[in-house]
């Protein structure tokens, strides 16, 4: 065999091994980067979930406050109606 062919074959084998090693290393780095990005996304989603939960609680409190105000307005309207009725009675007596 020719010495040049042996060197070419050995160079091809070394290049293939180095290429395979680089592919594995790059794949490992990509996996680590993907895991870091996924962790970031999960953390942000958890923060959004917490915010949504707080907003829901605030909305429930606002609904309760609105219902309380409606009840108070109804009471005031009834009181006002009774007061007008009494005023009308007083005016008729005079």
PDB file of N, CA and C in Angstrom:
ATOM      1  N   UNK A   1       0.840  -1.186   0.000  1.00  0.00           N
ATOM      2  CA  UNK A   1       0.000   0.000   0.000  1.00  0.00           C
ATOM      3  C   UNK A   1       0.880   1.243   0.000  1.00  0.00           C
ATOM      4  N   UNK A   2       0.303   2.237  -0.526  1.00  0.00           N
ATOM      5  CA  UNK A   2       1.036   3.485  -0.623  1.00  0.00           C
ATOM      6  C   UNK A   2       0.922   4.235   0.710  1.00  0.00           C
ATOM      7  N   UNK A   3       2.019   4.848   1.124  1.00  0.00           N
ATOM      8  CA  UNK A   3       2.059   5.589   2.387  1.00  0.00           C
ATOM      9  C   UNK A   3       1.066   6.745   2.408  1.00  0.00           C
ATOM     10  N   UNK A   4       0.831   7.403   1.284  1.00  0.00           N
ATOM     11  CA  UNK A   4      -0.095   8.526   1.170  1.00  0.00           C
ATOM     12  C   UNK A   4      -1.540   8.097   1.409  1.00  0.00           C
ATOM     13  N   UNK A   5      -1.884   6.895   0.937  1.00  0.00           N
ATOM     14  CA  UNK A   5      -3.246   6.383   1.132  1.00  0.00           C
ATOM     15  C   UNK A   5      -3.482   6.074   2.599  1.00  0.00           C
ATOM     16  N   UNK A   6      -2.484   5.501   3.274  1.00  0.00           N
ATOM     17  CA  UNK A   6      -2.606   5.182   4.695  1.00  0.00           C
ATOM     18  C   UNK A   6      -2.809   6.470   5.502  1.00  0.00           C
ATOM     19  N   UNK A   7      -2.054   7.486   5.198  1.00  0.00           N
ATOM     20  CA  UNK A   7      -2.191   8.761   5.906  1.00  0.00           C
ATOM     21  C   UNK A   7      -3.560   9.371   5.626  1.00  0.00           C
ATOM     22  N   UNK A   8      -4.034   9.265   4.400  1.00  0.00           N
ATOM     23  CA  UNK A   8      -5.353   9.807   4.052  1.00  0.00           C
ATOM     24  C   UNK A   8      -6.462   9.090   4.817  1.00  0.00           C
ATOM     25  N   UNK A   9      -6.368   7.754   4.893  1.00  0.00           N
ATOM     26  CA  UNK A   9      -7.374   6.972   5.621  1.00  0.00           C
ATOM     27  C   UNK A   9      -7.326   7.323   7.100  1.00  0.00           C
ATOM     28  N   UNK A  10      -6.136   7.407   7.680  1.00  0.00           N
ATOM     29  CA  UNK A  10      -6.013   7.778   9.097  1.00  0.00           C
ATOM     30  C   UNK A  10      -6.548   9.185   9.339  1.00  0.00           C
ATOM     31  N   UNK A  11      -6.276  10.102   8.425  1.00  0.00           N
ATOM     32  CA  UNK A  11      -6.794  11.466   8.568  1.00  0.00           C
ATOM     33  C   UNK A  11      -8.311  11.471   8.500  1.00  0.00           C
ATOM     34  N   UNK A  12      -8.875  10.673   7.619  1.00  0.00           N
ATOM     35  CA  UNK A  12     -10.324  10.573   7.500  1.00  0.00           C
ATOM     36  C   UNK A  12     -10.934  10.025   8.796  1.00  0.00           C
ATOM     37  N   UNK A  13     -10.301   9.018   9.372  1.00  0.00           N
ATOM     38  CA  UNK A  13     -10.806   8.429  10.619  1.00  0.00           C
ATOM     39  C   UNK A  13     -10.722   9.448  11.757  1.00  0.00           C
ATOM     40  N   UNK A  14      -9.612  10.157  11.870  1.00  0.00           N
ATOM     41  CA  UNK A  14      -9.453  11.171  12.912  1.00  0.00           C
ATOM     42  C   UNK A  14     -10.475  12.285  12.724  1.00  0.00           C
ATOM     43  N   UNK A  15     -10.688  12.707  11.500  1.00  0.00           N
ATOM     44  CA  UNK A  15     -11.661  13.766  11.232  1.00  0.00           C
ATOM     45  C   UNK A  15     -13.072  13.310  11.607  1.00  0.00           C
ATOM     46  N   UNK A  16     -13.391  12.060  11.315  1.00  0.00           N
ATOM     47  CA  UNK A  16     -14.711  11.532  11.658  1.00  0.00           C
ATOM     48  C   UNK A  16     -14.892  11.481  13.169  1.00  0.00           C
ATOM     49  N   UNK A  17     -13.868  11.046  13.902  1.00  0.00           N
ATOM     50  CA  UNK A  17     -13.949  10.982  15.361  1.00  0.00           C
ATOM     51  C   UNK A  17     -14.079  12.381  15.948  1.00  0.00           C
ATOM     52  N   UNK A  18     -13.292  13.320  15.457  1.00  0.00           N
ATOM     53  CA  UNK A  18     -13.359  14.697  15.953  1.00  0.00           C
ATOM     54  C   UNK A  18     -14.726  15.300  15.627  1.00  0.00           C
ATOM     55  N   UNK A  19     -15.231  15.066  14.439  1.00  0.00           N
ATOM     56  CA  UNK A  19     -16.548  15.566  14.059  1.00  0.00           C
ATOM     57  C   UNK A  19     -17.638  14.983  14.935  1.00  0.00           C
ATOM     58  N   UNK A  20     -17.590  13.693  15.182  1.00  0.00           N
ATOM     59  CA  UNK A  20     -18.579  13.041  16.042  1.00  0.00           C
ATOM     60  C   UNK A  20     -18.519  13.596  17.461  1.00  0.00           C
ATOM     61  N   UNK A  21     -17.290  13.806  17.966  1.00  0.00           N
ATOM     62  CA  UNK A  21     -17.121  14.362  19.309  1.00  0.00           C
ATOM     63  C   UNK A  21     -17.697  15.772  19.374  1.00  0.00           C
ATOM     64  N   UNK A  22     -17.461  16.578  18.365  1.00  0.00           N
ATOM     65  CA  UNK A  22     -17.999  17.949  18.337  1.00  0.00           C
ATOM     66  C   UNK A  22     -19.519  17.942  18.277  1.00  0.00           C
ATOM     67  N   UNK A  23     -20.072  17.024  17.499  1.00  0.00           N
ATOM     68  CA  UNK A  23     -21.535  16.933  17.424  1.00  0.00           C
ATOM     69  C   UNK A  23     -22.105  16.592  18.799  1.00  0.00           C
ATOM     70  N   UNK A  24     -21.504  15.631  19.476  1.00  0.00           N
ATOM     71  CA  UNK A  24     -21.971  15.256  20.813  1.00  0.00           C
ATOM     72  C   UNK A  24     -21.857  16.419  21.795  1.00  0.00           C
ATOM     73  N   UNK A  25     -20.723  17.124  21.748  1.00  0.00           N
ATOM     74  CA  UNK A  25     -20.518  18.256  22.648  1.00  0.00           C
ATOM     75  C   UNK A  25     -21.526  19.369  22.363  1.00  0.00           C
ATOM     76  N   UNK A  26     -21.754  19.661  21.096  1.00  0.00           N
ATOM     77  CA  UNK A  26     -22.725  20.694  20.731  1.00  0.00           C
ATOM     78  C   UNK A  26     -24.140  20.284  21.131  1.00  0.00           C
ATOM     79  N   UNK A  27     -24.445  19.016  20.966  1.00  0.00           N
ATOM     80  CA  UNK A  27     -25.763  18.530  21.361  1.00  0.00           C
ATOM     81  C   UNK A  27     -25.951  18.650  22.870  1.00  0.00           C
ATOM     82  N   UNK A  28     -24.927  18.351  23.616  1.00  0.00           N
ATOM     83  CA  UNK A  28     -24.983  18.474  25.077  1.00  0.00           C
ATOM     84  C   UNK A  28     -25.157  19.933  25.482  1.00  0.00           C
ATOM     85  N   UNK A  29     -24.434  20.818  24.827  1.00  0.00           N
ATOM     86  CA  UNK A  29     -24.558  22.253  25.128  1.00  0.00           C
ATOM     87  C   UNK A  29     -25.953  22.748  24.755  1.00  0.00           C
ATOM     88  N   UNK A  30     -26.483  22.287  23.623  1.00  0.00           N
ATOM     89  CA  UNK A  30     -27.835  22.674  23.221  1.00  0.00           C
ATOM     90  C   UNK A  30     -28.869  22.181  24.226  1.00  0.00           C
ATOM     91  N   UNK A  31     -28.663  20.960  24.719  1.00  0.00           N
ATOM     92  CA  UNK A  31     -29.594  20.421  25.726  1.00  0.00           C
ATOM     93  C   UNK A  31     -29.563  21.250  27.004  1.00  0.00           C
ATOM     94  N   UNK A  32     -28.370  21.651  27.430  1.00  0.00           N
ATOM     95  CA  UNK A  32     -28.265  22.487  28.632  1.00  0.00           C
ATOM     96  C   UNK A  32     -28.928  23.843  28.409  1.00  0.00           C
ATOM     97  N   UNK A  33     -28.713  24.419  27.237  1.00  0.00           N
ATOM     98  CA  UNK A  33     -29.321  25.716  26.935  1.00  0.00           C
ATOM     99  C   UNK A  33     -30.844  25.596  26.866  1.00  0.00           C
ATOM    100  N   UNK A  34     -31.336  24.541  26.265  1.00  0.00           N
ATOM    101  CA  UNK A  34     -32.789  24.330  26.181  1.00  0.00           C
ATOM    102  C   UNK A  34     -33.383  24.144  27.575  1.00  0.00           C
ATOM    103  N   UNK A  35     -32.668  23.415  28.423  1.00  0.00           N
ATOM    104  CA  UNK A  35     -33.153  23.217  29.802  1.00  0.00           C
ATOM    105  C   UNK A  35     -33.179  24.546  30.555  1.00  0.00           C
ATOM    106  N   UNK A  36     -32.163  25.373  30.364  1.00  0.00           N
ATOM    107  CA  UNK A  36     -32.135  26.680  31.031  1.00  0.00           C
ATOM    108  C   UNK A  36     -33.271  27.565  30.532  1.00  0.00           C
ATOM    109  N   UNK A  37     -33.524  27.549  29.231  1.00  0.00           N
ATOM    110  CA  UNK A  37     -34.617  28.348  28.680  1.00  0.00           C
ATOM    111  C   UNK A  37     -35.966  27.844  29.176  1.00  0.00           C
ATOM    112  N   UNK A  38     -36.126  26.527  29.259  1.00  0.00           N
ATOM    113  CA  UNK A  38     -37.381  25.952  29.736  1.00  0.00           C
ATOM    114  C   UNK A  38     -37.596  26.309  31.204  1.00  0.00           C
ATOM    115  N   UNK A  39     -36.538  26.305  31.986  1.00  0.00           N
ATOM    116  CA  UNK A  39     -36.651  26.697  33.391  1.00  0.00           C
ATOM    117  C   UNK A  39     -37.093  28.146  33.501  1.00  0.00           C
ATOM    118  N   UNK A  40     -36.530  29.005  32.678  1.00  0.00           N
ATOM    119  CA  UNK A  40     -36.917  30.415  32.673  1.00  0.00           C
ATOM    120  C   UNK A  40     -38.392  30.569  32.321  1.00  0.00           C
ATOM    121  N   UNK A  41     -38.831  29.832  31.315  1.00  0.00           N
ATOM    122  CA  UNK A  41     -40.241  29.895  30.909  1.00  0.00           C
ATOM    123  C   UNK A  41     -41.145  29.419  32.036  1.00  0.00           C
ATOM    124  N   UNK A  42     -40.760  28.340  32.703  1.00  0.00           N
ATOM    125  CA  UNK A  42     -41.566  27.800  33.805  1.00  0.00           C
ATOM    126  C   UNK A  42     -41.659  28.808  34.939  1.00  0.00           C
ATOM    127  N   UNK A  43     -40.554  29.441  35.275  1.00  0.00           N
ATOM    128  CA  UNK A  43     -40.557  30.439  36.351  1.00  0.00           C
ATOM    129  C   UNK A  43     -41.468  31.609  35.989  1.00  0.00           C
ATOM    130  N   UNK A  44     -41.388  32.051  34.748  1.00  0.00           N
ATOM    131  CA  UNK A  44     -42.240  33.160  34.320  1.00  0.00           C
ATOM    132  C   UNK A  44     -43.709  32.759  34.324  1.00  0.00           C
ATOM    133  N   UNK A  45     -44.012  31.538  33.910  1.00  0.00           N
ATOM    134  CA  UNK A  45     -45.393  31.062  33.940  1.00  0.00           C
ATOM    135  C   UNK A  45     -45.926  30.985  35.368  1.00  0.00           C
ATOM    136  N   UNK A  46     -45.083  30.563  36.290  1.00  0.00           N
ATOM    137  CA  UNK A  46     -45.495  30.522  37.692  1.00  0.00           C
ATOM    138  C   UNK A  46     -45.783  31.929  38.215  1.00  0.00           C
ATOM    139  N   UNK A  47     -44.967  32.892  37.814  1.00  0.00           N
ATOM    140  CA  UNK A  47     -45.205  34.280  38.224  1.00  0.00           C
ATOM    141  C   UNK A  47     -46.518  34.793  37.639  1.00  0.00           C
ATOM    142  N   UNK A  48     -46.791  34.455  36.393  1.00  0.00           N
ATOM    143  CA  UNK A  48     -48.053  34.858  35.764  1.00  0.00           C
ATOM    144  C   UNK A  48     -49.223  34.203  36.482  1.00  0.00           C
ATOM    145  N   UNK A  49     -49.070  32.926  36.821  1.00  0.00           N
ATOM    146  CA  UNK A  49     -50.137  32.220  37.538  1.00  0.00           C
ATOM    147  C   UNK A  49     -50.418  32.875  38.882  1.00  0.00           C
ATOM    148  N   UNK A  50     -49.375  33.262  39.586  1.00  0.00           N
ATOM    149  CA  UNK A  50     -49.542  33.937  40.874  1.00  0.00           C
ATOM    150  C   UNK A  50     -50.270  35.265  40.682  1.00  0.00           C
ATOM    151  N   UNK A  51     -49.879  36.004  39.655  1.00  0.00           N
ATOM    152  CA  UNK A  51     -50.530  37.291  39.389  1.00  0.00           C
ATOM    153  C   UNK A  51     -52.003  37.110  39.045  1.00  0.00           C
ATOM    154  N   UNK A  52     -52.312  36.105  38.249  1.00  0.00           N
ATOM    155  CA  UNK A  52     -53.702  35.845  37.877  1.00  0.00           C
ATOM    156  C   UNK A  52     -54.522  35.470  39.111  1.00  0.00           C
ATOM    157  N   UNK A  53     -53.939  34.676  39.986  1.00  0.00           N
ATOM    158  CA  UNK A  53     -54.628  34.294  41.217  1.00  0.00           C
ATOM    159  C   UNK A  53     -54.918  35.521  42.079  1.00  0.00           C
ATOM    160  N   UNK A  54     -53.942  36.422  42.186  1.00  0.00           N
ATOM    161  CA  UNK A  54     -54.147  37.653  42.952  1.00  0.00           C
ATOM    162  C   UNK A  54     -55.230  38.532  42.312  1.00  0.00           C
ATOM    163  N   UNK A  55     -55.223  38.601  40.998  1.00  0.00           N
ATOM    164  CA  UNK A  55     -56.240  39.403  40.301  1.00  0.00           C
ATOM    165  C   UNK A  55     -57.621  38.812  40.539  1.00  0.00           C
ATOM    166  N   UNK A  56     -57.732  37.489  40.498  1.00  0.00           N
ATOM    167  CA  UNK A  56     -59.023  36.850  40.761  1.00  0.00           C
ATOM    168  C   UNK A  56     -59.514  37.173  42.167  1.00  0.00           C
ATOM    169  N   UNK A  57     -58.608  37.150  43.135  1.00  0.00           N
ATOM    170  CA  UNK A  57     -58.989  37.477  44.508  1.00  0.00           C
ATOM    171  C   UNK A  57     -59.449  38.931  44.600  1.00  0.00           C
ATOM    172  N   UNK A  58     -58.743  39.821  43.921  1.00  0.00           N
ATOM    173  CA  UNK A  58     -59.140  41.233  43.911  1.00  0.00           C
ATOM    174  C   UNK A  58     -60.516  41.421  43.286  1.00  0.00           C
ATOM    175  N   UNK A  59     -60.779  40.715  42.205  1.00  0.00           N
ATOM    176  CA  UNK A  59     -62.081  40.819  41.544  1.00  0.00           C
ATOM    177  C   UNK A  59     -63.183  40.318  42.473  1.00  0.00           C
ATOM    178  N   UNK A  60     -62.921  39.213  43.176  1.00  0.00           N
ATOM    179  CA  UNK A  60     -63.919  38.712  44.141  1.00  0.00           C
ATOM    180  C   UNK A  60     -64.200  39.750  45.221  1.00  0.00           C
ATOM    181  N   UNK A  61     -63.147  40.382  45.724  1.00  0.00           N
ATOM    182  CA  UNK A  61     -63.319  41.421  46.741  1.00  0.00           C
ATOM    183  C   UNK A  61     -64.104  42.607  46.185  1.00  0.00           C
ATOM    184  N   UNK A  62     -63.817  42.984  44.951  1.00  0.00           N
ATOM    185  CA  UNK A  62     -64.543  44.090  44.327  1.00  0.00           C
ATOM    186  C   UNK A  62     -66.028  43.750  44.172  1.00  0.00           C
ATOM    187  N   UNK A  63     -66.306  42.503  43.803  1.00  0.00           N
ATOM    188  CA  UNK A  63     -67.707  42.085  43.681  1.00  0.00           C
ATOM    189  C   UNK A  63     -68.421  42.185  45.025  1.00  0.00           C
ATOM    190  N   UNK A  64     -67.744  41.736  46.071  1.00  0.00           N
ATOM    191  CA  UNK A  64     -68.344  41.815  47.408  1.00  0.00           C
ATOM    192  C   UNK A  64     -68.581  43.272  47.797  1.00  0.00           C
ATOM    193  N   UNK A  65     -67.613  44.131  47.525  1.00  0.00           N
ATOM    194  CA  UNK A  65     -67.768  45.559  47.829  1.00  0.00           C
ATOM    195  C   UNK A  65     -68.930  46.167  47.041  1.00  0.00           C
ATOM    196  N   UNK A  66     -69.035  45.795  45.762  1.00  0.00           N
ATOM    197  CA  UNK A  66     -70.132  46.312  44.937  1.00  0.00           C
ATOM    198  C   UNK A  66     -71.486  45.844  45.480  1.00  0.00           C
ATOM    199  N   UNK A  67     -71.562  44.599  45.898  1.00  0.00           N
ATOM    200  CA  UNK A  67     -72.822  44.099  46.450  1.00  0.00           C
ATOM    201  C   UNK A  67     -73.177  44.845  47.733  1.00  0.00           C
ATOM    202  N   UNK A  68     -72.168  45.108  48.550  1.00  0.00           N
ATOM    203  CA  UNK A  68     -72.395  45.866  49.789  1.00  0.00           C
ATOM    204  C   UNK A  68     -72.901  47.275  49.463  1.00  0.00           C
ATOM    205  N   UNK A  69     -72.302  47.909  48.466  1.00  0.00           N
ATOM    206  CA  UNK A  69     -72.758  49.247  48.074  1.00  0.00           C
ATOM    207  C   UNK A  69     -74.173  49.215  47.508  1.00  0.00           C
ATOM    208  N   UNK A  70     -74.498  48.189  46.735  1.00  0.00           N
ATOM    209  CA  UNK A  70     -75.874  48.066  46.217  1.00  0.00           C
ATOM    210  C   UNK A  70     -76.873  47.962  47.358  1.00  0.00           C
ATOM    211  N   UNK A  71     -76.521  47.145  48.355  1.00  0.00           N
ATOM    212  CA  UNK A  71     -77.413  46.986  49.504  1.00  0.00           C
ATOM    213  C   UNK A  71     -77.604  48.317  50.237  1.00  0.00           C
ATOM    214  N   UNK A  72     -76.507  49.060  50.392  1.00  0.00           N
ATOM    215  CA  UNK A  72     -76.599  50.352  51.066  1.00  0.00           C
ATOM    216  C   UNK A  72     -77.453  51.336  50.268  1.00  0.00           C
ATOM    217  N   UNK A  73     -77.303  51.344  48.941  1.00  0.00           N
ATOM    218  CA  UNK A  73     -78.099  52.233  48.101  1.00  0.00           C
ATOM    219  C   UNK A  73     -79.577  51.870  48.216  1.00  0.00           C
ATOM    220  N   UNK A  74     -79.888  50.592  48.229  1.00  0.00           N
ATOM    221  CA  UNK A  74     -81.281  50.164  48.374  1.00  0.00           C
ATOM    222  C   UNK A  74     -81.841  50.644  49.704  1.00  0.00           C
ATOM    223  N   UNK A  75     -81.050  50.501  50.773  1.00  0.00           N
ATOM    224  CA  UNK A  75     -81.494  50.949  52.094  1.00  0.00           C
ATOM    225  C   UNK A  75     -81.722  52.465  52.104  1.00  0.00           C
ATOM    226  N   UNK A  76     -80.807  53.215  51.516  1.00  0.00           N
ATOM    227  CA  UNK A  76     -80.945  54.679  51.472  1.00  0.00           C
ATOM    228  C   UNK A  76     -82.168  55.068  50.650  1.00  0.00           C
ATOM    229  N   UNK A  77     -82.378  54.396  49.516  1.00  0.00           N
ATOM    230  CA  UNK A  77     -83.556  54.706  48.702  1.00  0.00           C
ATOM    231  C   UNK A  77     -84.841  54.430  49.464  1.00  0.00           C
ATOM    232  N   UNK A  78     -84.891  53.324  50.206  1.00  0.00           N
ATOM    233  CA  UNK A  78     -86.081  53.016  50.992  1.00  0.00           C
ATOM    234  C   UNK A  78     -86.289  54.047  52.090  1.00  0.00           C
ATOM    235  N   UNK A  79     -85.211  54.460  52.734  1.00  0.00           N
ATOM    236  CA  UNK A  79     -85.302  55.468  53.781  1.00  0.00           C
ATOM    237  C   UNK A  79     -85.775  56.794  53.202  1.00  0.00           C
ATOM    238  N   UNK A  80     -85.238  57.148  52.057  1.00  0.00           N
ATOM    239  CA  UNK A  80     -85.621  58.395  51.387  1.00  0.00           C
ATOM    240  C   UNK A  80     -87.103  58.349  50.989  1.00  0.00           C
ATOM    241  N   UNK A  81     -87.550  57.220  50.499  1.00  0.00           N
ATOM    242  CA  UNK A  81     -88.947  57.064  50.110  1.00  0.00           C
ATOM    243  C   UNK A  81     -89.857  57.209  51.329  1.00  0.00           C
ATOM    244  N   UNK A  82     -89.455  56.596  52.453  1.00  0.00           N
ATOM    245  CA  UNK A  82     -90.243  56.711  53.688  1.00  0.00           C
ATOM    246  C   UNK A  82     -90.255  58.155  54.179  1.00  0.00           C
ATOM    247  N   UNK A  83     -89.097  58.841  54.061  1.00  0.00           N
ATOM    248  CA  UNK A  83     -89.033  60.239  54.507  1.00  0.00           C
ATOM    249  C   UNK A  83     -89.950  61.107  53.645  1.00  0.00           C
ATOM    250  N   UNK A  84     -89.964  60.890  52.353  1.00  0.00           N
ATOM    251  CA  UNK A  84     -90.859  61.646  51.463  1.00  0.00           C
ATOM    252  C   UNK A  84     -92.324  61.375  51.814  1.00  0.00           C
ATOM    253  N   UNK A  85     -92.600  60.142  52.139  1.00  0.00           N
ATOM    254  CA  UNK A  85     -93.972  59.799  52.513  1.00  0.00           C
ATOM    255  C   UNK A  85     -94.374  60.558  53.789  1.00  0.00           C
ATOM    256  N   UNK A  86     -93.485  60.598  54.767  1.00  0.00           N
ATOM    257  CA  UNK A  86     -93.774  61.318  56.011  1.00  0.00           C
ATOM    258  C   UNK A  86     -93.920  62.825  55.751  1.00  0.00           C
ATOM    259  N   UNK A  87     -93.064  63.359  54.893  1.00  0.00           N
ATOM    260  CA  UNK A  87     -93.146  64.791  54.551  1.00  0.00           C
ATOM    261  C   UNK A  87     -94.490  65.090  53.895  1.00  0.00           C
ATOM    262  N   UNK A  88     -94.900  64.204  52.984  1.00  0.00           N
ATOM    263  CA  UNK A  88     -96.201  64.388  52.328  1.00  0.00           C
ATOM    264  C   UNK A  88     -97.335  64.380  53.358  1.00  0.00           C
ATOM    265  N   UNK A  89     -97.241  63.514  54.369  1.00  0.00           N
ATOM    266  CA  UNK A  89     -98.282  63.467  55.427  1.00  0.00           C
ATOM    267  C   UNK A  89     -98.285  64.743  56.224  1.00  0.00           C
ATOM    268  N   UNK A  90     -97.102  65.262  56.536  1.00  0.00           N
ATOM    269  CA  UNK A  90     -97.002  66.507  57.316  1.00  0.00           C
ATOM    270  C   UNK A  90     -97.592  67.667  56.510  1.00  0.00           C
ATOM    271  N   UNK A  91     -97.303  67.707  55.220  1.00  0.00           N
ATOM    272  CA  UNK A  91     -97.800  68.790  54.368  1.00  0.00           C
ATOM    273  C   UNK A  91     -99.325  68.733  54.266  1.00  0.00           C
ATOM    274  N   UNK A  92     -99.910  67.589  54.252  1.00  0.00           N
ATOM    275  CA  UNK A  92    -101.358  67.456  54.170  1.00  0.00           C
ATOM    276  C   UNK A  92    -102.035  67.942  55.459  1.00  0.00           C
ATOM    277  N   UNK A  93    -101.372  67.747  56.596  1.00  0.00           N
ATOM    278  CA  UNK A  93    -101.934  68.161  57.878  1.00  0.00           C
ATOM    279  C   UNK A  93    -101.930  69.679  57.986  1.00  0.00           C
ATOM    280  N   UNK A  94    -101.009  70.303  57.349  1.00  0.00           N
ATOM    281  CA  UNK A  94    -100.909  71.758  57.468  1.00  0.00           C
ATOM    282  C   UNK A  94    -101.833  72.435  56.578  1.00  0.00           C
TER     283      UNK A  94
END
